[in-house]
Amino acid sequence: MEWMIGAGGSLLIAGAAYWKRALTASGAVAAIVVGTCLFVFGSLLWYGLMIGFFVSSTLLTKWKKHLKKDAESKYQKSGRRDAGQVIANGGAGTILCLLYGIYPEASWLTAAYIGVMATVTADTWATEVGGLSRGQPRSILSWKKVPKGTSGGVSLLGWTASAAGGAFIGGLAYILSRLSTPLEQGGLLSDYSLVWIIPLAALAGWIGANADSVLGAAVQALYRCPVCGDVVEAKLHCGQRTELIRGWKWMDNDAVNMLSSLSGGLVLVLWSLLTG
């Protein structure tokens, strides 16, 4: 019965997102699978945080989209999220949820999940809001100015947005944890730690988003378009195959997102273990 409710709810949300052109067909299928797993093996907290991430990120992606057109032209993917992007943002959380279904007493799994969701939300908010910054971003490694949309570029507006995204997940986790069963109340969600959940999630999200920027600046694959000469993330640009000029070929934006999300999860796991 639970899987039918989870699948039904996920189908409604994914279907609406597909209709609104926020998800591709493959992205909608992946979202239904992820959502169903979170509902069946997790709880309201697990399911709700993923919904909060998806809804907020979709709204920000659509917000002032015309002003972010130049930056988005350099991205590997933009606009509608496909299965790869859904898995990159929800894959680690889904694995943690499956483990939680087996070991519900392991409170560090919940902490890790909140940190992962804080990171993917912070990173998305930083990208969507930071792209509206009036000034040029700077490389997180060299601190030199780089064009908007460049992997590893950061800005004050983007940093602020990343912390806000993490805090949003922390606030949502606080609310949802109060509605959860006593089994959920442990580790990070104990009475002692719960009061710190919002600033901790903001910190985890900010650290995770910056880990994403470091990976993006250091090892993410970048290509040069032979037609316009732009440095982009995509393997195809201006209708032509681009040339790899830096990074590891397999390290695309989806891989960077998934790996960086683990760093935010680690922040909250360490707090949970130290205070639990």
C-alpha atoms as a PDB file:
ATOM      1  CA  MET A   1       0.000   0.000   0.000  1.00  0.00           C
ATOM      2  CA  GLU A   2       2.808   2.413   0.890  1.00  0.00           C
ATOM      3  CA  TRP A   3       4.522   2.002  -2.443  1.00  0.00           C
ATOM      4  CA  MET A   4       1.235   2.785  -4.228  1.00  0.00           C
ATOM      5  CA  ILE A   5       0.833   6.020  -2.281  1.00  0.00           C
ATOM      6  CA  GLY A   6       4.466   6.977  -2.868  1.00  0.00           C
ATOM      7  CA  ALA A   7       4.306   6.109  -6.546  1.00  0.00           C
ATOM      8  CA  GLY A   8       0.993   7.938  -6.967  1.00  0.00           C
ATOM      9  CA  GLY A   9       2.248  11.107  -5.291  1.00  0.00           C
ATOM     10  CA  SER A  10       5.513  11.004  -7.215  1.00  0.00           C
ATOM     11  CA  LEU A  11       3.642  10.410 -10.470  1.00  0.00           C
ATOM     12  CA  LEU A  12       1.482  13.492  -9.896  1.00  0.00           C
ATOM     13  CA  ILE A  13       4.493  15.701  -9.121  1.00  0.00           C
ATOM     14  CA  ALA A  14       6.657  14.333 -11.932  1.00  0.00           C
ATOM     15  CA  GLY A  15       3.752  14.500 -14.352  1.00  0.00           C
ATOM     16  CA  ALA A  16       3.120  18.149 -13.512  1.00  0.00           C
ATOM     17  CA  ALA A  17       6.834  18.889 -13.877  1.00  0.00           C
ATOM     18  CA  TYR A  18       6.906  17.171 -17.269  1.00  0.00           C
ATOM     19  CA  TRP A  19       3.842  19.137 -18.365  1.00  0.00           C
ATOM     20  CA  LYS A  20       5.517  22.366 -17.267  1.00  0.00           C
ATOM     21  CA  ARG A  21       8.663  21.306 -19.162  1.00  0.00           C
ATOM     22  CA  ALA A  22      10.778  21.131 -15.995  1.00  0.00           C
ATOM     23  CA  LEU A  23      11.555  17.433 -16.598  1.00  0.00           C
ATOM     24  CA  THR A  24      12.208  15.381 -19.708  1.00  0.00           C
ATOM     25  CA  ALA A  25      10.480  12.004 -20.107  1.00  0.00           C
ATOM     26  CA  SER A  26      13.534  10.193 -18.703  1.00  0.00           C
ATOM     27  CA  GLY A  27      13.765  12.727 -15.887  1.00  0.00           C
ATOM     28  CA  ALA A  28      10.113  12.173 -14.970  1.00  0.00           C
ATOM     29  CA  VAL A  29      10.596   8.385 -14.817  1.00  0.00           C
ATOM     30  CA  ALA A  30      13.702   8.775 -12.658  1.00  0.00           C
ATOM     31  CA  ALA A  31      11.886  11.225 -10.366  1.00  0.00           C
ATOM     32  CA  ILE A  32       9.028   8.742  -9.873  1.00  0.00           C
ATOM     33  CA  VAL A  33      11.486   5.986  -8.922  1.00  0.00           C
ATOM     34  CA  VAL A  34      13.420   8.230  -6.537  1.00  0.00           C
ATOM     35  CA  GLY A  35      10.276   9.657  -4.947  1.00  0.00           C
ATOM     36  CA  THR A  36       8.709   6.234  -4.452  1.00  0.00           C
ATOM     37  CA  CYS A  37      11.860   4.872  -2.789  1.00  0.00           C
ATOM     38  CA  LEU A  38      12.061   7.841  -0.431  1.00  0.00           C
ATOM     39  CA  PHE A  39       8.411   7.459   0.565  1.00  0.00           C
ATOM     40  CA  VAL A  40       8.504   3.694   1.061  1.00  0.00           C
ATOM     41  CA  PHE A  41      11.886   3.259   2.746  1.00  0.00           C
ATOM     42  CA  GLY A  42      12.140   6.673   4.417  1.00  0.00           C
ATOM     43  CA  SER A  43       9.552   8.907   5.996  1.00  0.00           C
ATOM     44  CA  LEU A  44       7.875  12.283   5.647  1.00  0.00           C
ATOM     45  CA  LEU A  45      11.242  13.900   6.363  1.00  0.00           C
ATOM     46  CA  TRP A  46      13.023  12.070   3.547  1.00  0.00           C
ATOM     47  CA  TYR A  47      10.236  12.543   1.034  1.00  0.00           C
ATOM     48  CA  GLY A  48       9.556  16.151   2.001  1.00  0.00           C
ATOM     49  CA  LEU A  49      13.152  17.326   1.678  1.00  0.00           C
ATOM     50  CA  MET A  50      13.387  15.977  -1.873  1.00  0.00           C
ATOM     51  CA  ILE A  51      10.123  17.699  -2.791  1.00  0.00           C
ATOM     52  CA  GLY A  52      11.367  20.925  -1.216  1.00  0.00           C
ATOM     53  CA  PHE A  53      14.580  20.757  -3.231  1.00  0.00           C
ATOM     54  CA  PHE A  54      12.807  19.981  -6.478  1.00  0.00           C
ATOM     55  CA  VAL A  55      10.084  22.625  -6.201  1.00  0.00           C
ATOM     56  CA  SER A  56      12.403  25.423  -5.061  1.00  0.00           C
ATOM     57  CA  SER A  57      15.035  24.590  -7.669  1.00  0.00           C
ATOM     58  CA  THR A  58      12.479  24.417 -10.474  1.00  0.00           C
ATOM     59  CA  LEU A  59      11.037  27.799  -9.534  1.00  0.00           C
ATOM     60  CA  LEU A  60      14.499  29.387  -9.412  1.00  0.00           C
ATOM     61  CA  THR A  61      15.436  27.841 -12.764  1.00  0.00           C
ATOM     62  CA  LYS A  62      12.405  29.514 -14.336  1.00  0.00           C
ATOM     63  CA  TRP A  63      12.975  32.807 -12.468  1.00  0.00           C
ATOM     64  CA  LYS A  64      14.406  35.508 -14.746  1.00  0.00           C
ATOM     65  CA  LYS A  65      15.522  32.792 -17.151  1.00  0.00           C
ATOM     66  CA  HIS A  66      16.104  35.274 -19.970  1.00  0.00           C
ATOM     67  CA  LEU A  67      18.793  37.041 -17.915  1.00  0.00           C
ATOM     68  CA  LYS A  68      20.744  33.787 -17.481  1.00  0.00           C
ATOM     69  CA  LYS A  69      20.735  32.816 -21.150  1.00  0.00           C
ATOM     70  CA  ASP A  70      24.419  33.589 -21.803  1.00  0.00           C
ATOM     71  CA  ALA A  71      25.637  31.656 -18.769  1.00  0.00           C
ATOM     72  CA  GLU A  72      23.378  28.676 -19.523  1.00  0.00           C
ATOM     73  CA  SER A  73      24.770  28.417 -23.045  1.00  0.00           C
ATOM     74  CA  LYS A  74      28.022  27.136 -21.505  1.00  0.00           C
ATOM     75  CA  TYR A  75      26.390  24.463 -19.345  1.00  0.00           C
ATOM     76  CA  GLN A  76      26.386  20.819 -20.296  1.00  0.00           C
ATOM     77  CA  LYS A  77      22.642  20.751 -19.575  1.00  0.00           C
ATOM     78  CA  SER A  78      20.106  23.445 -18.838  1.00  0.00           C
ATOM     79  CA  GLY A  79      16.354  23.875 -18.716  1.00  0.00           C
ATOM     80  CA  ARG A  80      14.534  20.538 -18.451  1.00  0.00           C
ATOM     81  CA  ARG A  81      16.186  18.025 -16.111  1.00  0.00           C
ATOM     82  CA  ASP A  82      16.853  14.573 -17.533  1.00  0.00           C
ATOM     83  CA  ALA A  83      17.390  11.258 -15.739  1.00  0.00           C
ATOM     84  CA  GLY A  84      21.114  11.952 -15.329  1.00  0.00           C
ATOM     85  CA  GLN A  85      20.442  15.182 -13.459  1.00  0.00           C
ATOM     86  CA  VAL A  86      17.750  13.587 -11.290  1.00  0.00           C
ATOM     87  CA  ILE A  87      20.139  10.789 -10.325  1.00  0.00           C
ATOM     88  CA  ALA A  88      23.010  13.229  -9.762  1.00  0.00           C
ATOM     89  CA  ASN A  89      20.891  15.210  -7.300  1.00  0.00           C
ATOM     90  CA  GLY A  90      18.847  12.373  -5.830  1.00  0.00           C
ATOM     91  CA  GLY A  91      20.980   9.270  -6.293  1.00  0.00           C
ATOM     92  CA  ALA A  92      23.079   9.589  -3.145  1.00  0.00           C
ATOM     93  CA  GLY A  93      19.978  10.404  -1.107  1.00  0.00           C
ATOM     94  CA  THR A  94      18.167   7.370  -2.486  1.00  0.00           C
ATOM     95  CA  ILE A  95      21.044   5.046  -1.547  1.00  0.00           C
ATOM     96  CA  LEU A  96      21.069   6.507   1.966  1.00  0.00           C
ATOM     97  CA  CYS A  97      17.310   5.990   2.174  1.00  0.00           C
ATOM     98  CA  LEU A  98      17.576   2.337   1.162  1.00  0.00           C
ATOM     99  CA  LEU A  99      20.189   1.845   3.880  1.00  0.00           C
ATOM    100  CA  TYR A 100      17.914   3.641   6.350  1.00  0.00           C
ATOM    101  CA  GLY A 101      15.134   1.196   5.470  1.00  0.00           C
ATOM    102  CA  ILE A 102      17.442  -1.610   6.604  1.00  0.00           C
ATOM    103  CA  TYR A 103      19.033   0.203   9.573  1.00  0.00           C
ATOM    104  CA  PRO A 104      16.435   2.731  10.833  1.00  0.00           C
ATOM    105  CA  GLU A 105      18.271   3.039  14.149  1.00  0.00           C
ATOM    106  CA  ALA A 106      21.357   4.507  12.406  1.00  0.00           C
ATOM    107  CA  SER A 107      20.597   8.188  12.954  1.00  0.00           C
ATOM    108  CA  TRP A 108      23.737   9.245  11.071  1.00  0.00           C
ATOM    109  CA  LEU A 109      22.027   8.160   7.840  1.00  0.00           C
ATOM    110  CA  THR A 110      19.361  10.815   8.373  1.00  0.00           C
ATOM    111  CA  ALA A 111      22.076  13.376   9.108  1.00  0.00           C
ATOM    112  CA  ALA A 112      23.918  12.411   5.940  1.00  0.00           C
ATOM    113  CA  TYR A 113      20.729  12.744   3.914  1.00  0.00           C
ATOM    114  CA  ILE A 114      19.977  16.222   5.247  1.00  0.00           C
ATOM    115  CA  GLY A 115      23.552  17.271   4.418  1.00  0.00           C
ATOM    116  CA  VAL A 116      23.294  15.832   0.899  1.00  0.00           C
ATOM    117  CA  MET A 117      20.000  17.608   0.251  1.00  0.00           C
ATOM    118  CA  ALA A 118      21.362  20.841   1.732  1.00  0.00           C
ATOM    119  CA  THR A 119      24.274  20.626  -0.709  1.00  0.00           C
ATOM    120  CA  VAL A 120      22.321  19.929  -3.891  1.00  0.00           C
ATOM    121  CA  THR A 121      19.870  22.680  -2.971  1.00  0.00           C
ATOM    122  CA  ALA A 122      22.653  25.124  -2.098  1.00  0.00           C
ATOM    123  CA  ASP A 123      24.494  24.370  -5.326  1.00  0.00           C
ATOM    124  CA  THR A 124      21.382  24.813  -7.465  1.00  0.00           C
ATOM    125  CA  TRP A 125      20.394  28.039  -5.708  1.00  0.00           C
ATOM    126  CA  ALA A 126      23.962  29.348  -6.114  1.00  0.00           C
ATOM    127  CA  THR A 127      23.896  28.589  -9.839  1.00  0.00           C
ATOM    128  CA  GLU A 128      20.465  30.056 -10.513  1.00  0.00           C
ATOM    129  CA  VAL A 129      20.746  33.141  -8.300  1.00  0.00           C
ATOM    130  CA  GLY A 130      24.493  33.677  -8.738  1.00  0.00           C
ATOM    131  CA  GLY A 131      23.946  33.760 -12.496  1.00  0.00           C
ATOM    132  CA  LEU A 132      22.102  37.064 -11.976  1.00  0.00           C
ATOM    133  CA  SER A 133      25.124  38.744 -10.376  1.00  0.00           C
ATOM    134  CA  ARG A 134      26.041  41.992 -12.110  1.00  0.00           C
ATOM    135  CA  GLY A 135      29.765  41.431 -11.693  1.00  0.00           C
ATOM    136  CA  GLN A 136      31.911  38.700 -13.183  1.00  0.00           C
ATOM    137  CA  PRO A 137      32.441  35.601 -11.046  1.00  0.00           C
ATOM    138  CA  ARG A 138      35.930  34.579  -9.935  1.00  0.00           C
ATOM    139  CA  SER A 139      37.593  31.195 -10.142  1.00  0.00           C
ATOM    140  CA  ILE A 140      37.527  29.584  -6.707  1.00  0.00           C
ATOM    141  CA  LEU A 141      41.099  28.343  -7.292  1.00  0.00           C
ATOM    142  CA  SER A 142      42.920  31.271  -8.909  1.00  0.00           C
ATOM    143  CA  TRP A 143      40.516  34.056  -7.879  1.00  0.00           C
ATOM    144  CA  LYS A 144      40.812  35.475 -11.402  1.00  0.00           C
ATOM    145  CA  LYS A 145      37.693  36.785 -13.104  1.00  0.00           C
ATOM    146  CA  VAL A 146      36.021  34.255 -15.387  1.00  0.00           C
ATOM    147  CA  PRO A 147      33.033  34.492 -17.760  1.00  0.00           C
ATOM    148  CA  LYS A 148      29.603  33.757 -16.324  1.00  0.00           C
ATOM    149  CA  GLY A 149      28.748  30.085 -16.544  1.00  0.00           C
ATOM    150  CA  THR A 150      32.363  28.957 -16.135  1.00  0.00           C
ATOM    151  CA  SER A 151      32.772  25.832 -14.000  1.00  0.00           C
ATOM    152  CA  GLY A 152      34.315  26.747 -10.649  1.00  0.00           C
ATOM    153  CA  GLY A 153      33.239  30.388 -10.805  1.00  0.00           C
ATOM    154  CA  VAL A 154      31.911  31.907  -7.583  1.00  0.00           C
ATOM    155  CA  SER A 155      30.406  35.228  -6.542  1.00  0.00           C
ATOM    156  CA  LEU A 156      29.217  36.874  -3.343  1.00  0.00           C
ATOM    157  CA  LEU A 157      25.617  36.602  -4.529  1.00  0.00           C
ATOM    158  CA  GLY A 158      26.117  32.918  -5.328  1.00  0.00           C
ATOM    159  CA  TRP A 159      27.721  32.257  -1.953  1.00  0.00           C
ATOM    160  CA  THR A 160      24.824  33.960  -0.185  1.00  0.00           C
ATOM    161  CA  ALA A 161      22.322  31.961  -2.204  1.00  0.00           C
ATOM    162  CA  SER A 162      24.102  28.688  -1.397  1.00  0.00           C
ATOM    163  CA  ALA A 163      23.917  29.366   2.345  1.00  0.00           C
ATOM    164  CA  ALA A 164      20.257  30.327   1.972  1.00  0.00           C
ATOM    165  CA  GLY A 165      19.535  27.092   0.100  1.00  0.00           C
ATOM    166  CA  GLY A 166      21.142  25.029   2.833  1.00  0.00           C
ATOM    167  CA  ALA A 167      19.244  26.976   5.501  1.00  0.00           C
ATOM    168  CA  PHE A 168      15.997  26.351   3.616  1.00  0.00           C
ATOM    169  CA  ILE A 169      16.582  22.590   3.800  1.00  0.00           C
ATOM    170  CA  GLY A 170      17.511  22.930   7.475  1.00  0.00           C
ATOM    171  CA  GLY A 171      14.295  24.798   8.214  1.00  0.00           C
ATOM    172  CA  LEU A 172      12.261  22.235   6.318  1.00  0.00           C
ATOM    173  CA  ALA A 173      14.026  19.416   8.174  1.00  0.00           C
ATOM    174  CA  TYR A 174      13.178  21.093  11.487  1.00  0.00           C
ATOM    175  CA  ILE A 175       9.490  21.322  10.608  1.00  0.00           C
ATOM    176  CA  LEU A 176       9.239  17.800   9.199  1.00  0.00           C
ATOM    177  CA  SER A 177      11.159  16.257  12.094  1.00  0.00           C
ATOM    178  CA  ARG A 178       8.553  17.628  14.491  1.00  0.00           C
ATOM    179  CA  LEU A 179       5.952  15.672  12.547  1.00  0.00           C
ATOM    180  CA  SER A 180       7.993  12.455  12.512  1.00  0.00           C
ATOM    181  CA  THR A 181       7.737   9.414  14.763  1.00  0.00           C
ATOM    182  CA  PRO A 182       9.947   9.090  17.861  1.00  0.00           C
ATOM    183  CA  LEU A 183      12.140   6.674  15.893  1.00  0.00           C
ATOM    184  CA  GLU A 184      13.408   9.654  13.890  1.00  0.00           C
ATOM    185  CA  GLN A 185      14.484  11.593  16.959  1.00  0.00           C
ATOM    186  CA  GLY A 186      18.152  10.803  17.377  1.00  0.00           C
ATOM    187  CA  GLY A 187      21.590  12.146  16.536  1.00  0.00           C
ATOM    188  CA  LEU A 188      21.179  15.324  14.528  1.00  0.00           C
ATOM    189  CA  LEU A 189      17.447  15.336  15.274  1.00  0.00           C
ATOM    190  CA  SER A 190      17.821  14.971  19.025  1.00  0.00           C
ATOM    191  CA  ASP A 191      16.463  17.778  21.199  1.00  0.00           C
ATOM    192  CA  TYR A 192      20.010  19.105  21.685  1.00  0.00           C
ATOM    193  CA  SER A 193      21.088  19.168  18.047  1.00  0.00           C
ATOM    194  CA  LEU A 194      17.765  20.061  16.459  1.00  0.00           C
ATOM    195  CA  VAL A 195      18.046  23.714  17.500  1.00  0.00           C
ATOM    196  CA  TRP A 196      21.220  23.903  15.399  1.00  0.00           C
ATOM    197  CA  ILE A 197      19.799  22.228  12.313  1.00  0.00           C
ATOM    198  CA  ILE A 198      19.251  25.422  10.294  1.00  0.00           C
ATOM    199  CA  PRO A 199      22.752  26.947  10.681  1.00  0.00           C
ATOM    200  CA  LEU A 200      24.341  23.492  10.361  1.00  0.00           C
ATOM    201  CA  ALA A 201      22.470  22.787   7.126  1.00  0.00           C
ATOM    202  CA  ALA A 202      23.430  26.254   5.845  1.00  0.00           C
ATOM    203  CA  LEU A 203      27.091  25.484   6.605  1.00  0.00           C
ATOM    204  CA  ALA A 204      26.906  21.999   5.071  1.00  0.00           C
ATOM    205  CA  GLY A 205      25.261  23.393   1.949  1.00  0.00           C
ATOM    206  CA  TRP A 206      27.809  26.176   1.605  1.00  0.00           C
ATOM    207  CA  ILE A 207      30.735  23.763   2.041  1.00  0.00           C
ATOM    208  CA  GLY A 208      29.212  21.292  -0.401  1.00  0.00           C
ATOM    209  CA  ALA A 209      28.535  23.976  -3.004  1.00  0.00           C
ATOM    210  CA  ASN A 210      32.136  25.158  -2.730  1.00  0.00           C
ATOM    211  CA  ALA A 211      33.356  21.568  -3.079  1.00  0.00           C
ATOM    212  CA  ASP A 212      31.342  21.494  -6.289  1.00  0.00           C
ATOM    213  CA  SER A 213      33.113  24.672  -7.439  1.00  0.00           C
ATOM    214  CA  VAL A 214      36.548  23.234  -6.598  1.00  0.00           C
ATOM    215  CA  LEU A 215      35.844  20.064  -8.546  1.00  0.00           C
ATOM    216  CA  GLY A 216      34.408  22.133 -11.370  1.00  0.00           C
ATOM    217  CA  ALA A 217      37.505  24.305 -11.546  1.00  0.00           C
ATOM    218  CA  ALA A 218      40.029  21.505 -11.119  1.00  0.00           C
ATOM    219  CA  VAL A 219      38.895  18.285 -12.779  1.00  0.00           C
ATOM    220  CA  GLN A 220      35.542  18.756 -14.531  1.00  0.00           C
ATOM    221  CA  ALA A 221      35.754  18.204 -18.270  1.00  0.00           C
ATOM    222  CA  LEU A 222      35.726  21.425 -20.291  1.00  0.00           C
ATOM    223  CA  TYR A 223      35.582  21.681 -24.052  1.00  0.00           C
ATOM    224  CA  ARG A 224      36.261  24.345 -26.681  1.00  0.00           C
ATOM    225  CA  CYS A 225      33.775  24.927 -29.461  1.00  0.00           C
ATOM    226  CA  PRO A 226      35.545  24.900 -32.862  1.00  0.00           C
ATOM    227  CA  VAL A 227      32.904  27.266 -34.286  1.00  0.00           C
ATOM    228  CA  CYS A 228      32.538  30.099 -31.753  1.00  0.00           C
ATOM    229  CA  GLY A 229      35.630  29.385 -29.646  1.00  0.00           C
ATOM    230  CA  ASP A 230      33.706  29.394 -26.345  1.00  0.00           C
ATOM    231  CA  VAL A 231      34.818  27.155 -23.484  1.00  0.00           C
ATOM    232  CA  VAL A 232      31.802  25.024 -22.540  1.00  0.00           C
ATOM    233  CA  GLU A 233      30.792  21.897 -20.631  1.00  0.00           C
ATOM    234  CA  ALA A 234      28.915  20.332 -23.534  1.00  0.00           C
ATOM    235  CA  LYS A 235      30.374  17.833 -25.989  1.00  0.00           C
ATOM    236  CA  LEU A 236      28.314  19.462 -28.747  1.00  0.00           C
ATOM    237  CA  HIS A 237      28.080  23.206 -29.357  1.00  0.00           C
ATOM    238  CA  CYS A 238      27.003  25.233 -32.385  1.00  0.00           C
ATOM    239  CA  GLY A 239      26.091  21.912 -33.978  1.00  0.00           C
ATOM    240  CA  GLN A 240      29.698  20.671 -33.849  1.00  0.00           C
ATOM    241  CA  ARG A 241      31.618  18.267 -31.587  1.00  0.00           C
ATOM    242  CA  THR A 242      33.764  20.187 -29.120  1.00  0.00           C
ATOM    243  CA  GLU A 243      37.403  19.498 -28.172  1.00  0.00           C
ATOM    244  CA  LEU A 244      38.441  18.471 -24.639  1.00  0.00           C
ATOM    245  CA  ILE A 245      40.864  21.074 -23.270  1.00  0.00           C
ATOM    246  CA  ARG A 246      40.858  20.325 -19.532  1.00  0.00           C
ATOM    247  CA  GLY A 247      39.767  17.851 -16.903  1.00  0.00           C
ATOM    248  CA  TRP A 248      38.750  14.213 -16.906  1.00  0.00           C
ATOM    249  CA  LYS A 249      36.429  13.188 -19.709  1.00  0.00           C
ATOM    250  CA  TRP A 250      34.153  11.183 -17.407  1.00  0.00           C
ATOM    251  CA  MET A 251      33.898  13.998 -14.844  1.00  0.00           C
ATOM    252  CA  ASP A 252      30.864  15.820 -16.181  1.00  0.00           C
ATOM    253  CA  ASN A 253      28.547  18.125 -14.269  1.00  0.00           C
ATOM    254  CA  ASP A 254      26.368  15.261 -13.031  1.00  0.00           C
ATOM    255  CA  ALA A 255      29.382  13.447 -11.555  1.00  0.00           C
ATOM    256  CA  VAL A 256      30.569  16.664  -9.899  1.00  0.00           C
ATOM    257  CA  ASN A 257      27.135  17.237  -8.362  1.00  0.00           C
ATOM    258  CA  MET A 258      26.928  13.741  -6.906  1.00  0.00           C
ATOM    259  CA  LEU A 259      30.464  13.750  -5.478  1.00  0.00           C
ATOM    260  CA  SER A 260      30.160  17.219  -3.958  1.00  0.00           C
ATOM    261  CA  SER A 261      26.866  16.319  -2.295  1.00  0.00           C
ATOM    262  CA  LEU A 262      28.732  13.736  -0.227  1.00  0.00           C
ATOM    263  CA  SER A 263      30.904  16.458   1.317  1.00  0.00           C
ATOM    264  CA  GLY A 264      27.852  18.245   2.696  1.00  0.00           C
ATOM    265  CA  GLY A 265      26.544  14.959   4.017  1.00  0.00           C
ATOM    266  CA  LEU A 266      29.857  14.319   5.758  1.00  0.00           C
ATOM    267  CA  VAL A 267      29.636  17.649   7.614  1.00  0.00           C
ATOM    268  CA  LEU A 268      26.370  16.688   9.279  1.00  0.00           C
ATOM    269  CA  VAL A 269      27.441  13.100   9.871  1.00  0.00           C
ATOM    270  CA  LEU A 270      30.461  14.338  11.821  1.00  0.00           C
ATOM    271  CA  TRP A 271      28.267  16.661  13.886  1.00  0.00           C
ATOM    272  CA  SER A 272      25.791  13.857  14.531  1.00  0.00           C
ATOM    273  CA  LEU A 273      28.518  11.453  15.658  1.00  0.00           C
ATOM    274  CA  LEU A 274      30.250  14.050  17.839  1.00  0.00           C
ATOM    275  CA  THR A 275      27.050  15.131  19.589  1.00  0.00           C
ATOM    276  CA  GLY A 276      25.173  11.836  19.541  1.00  0.00           C
END
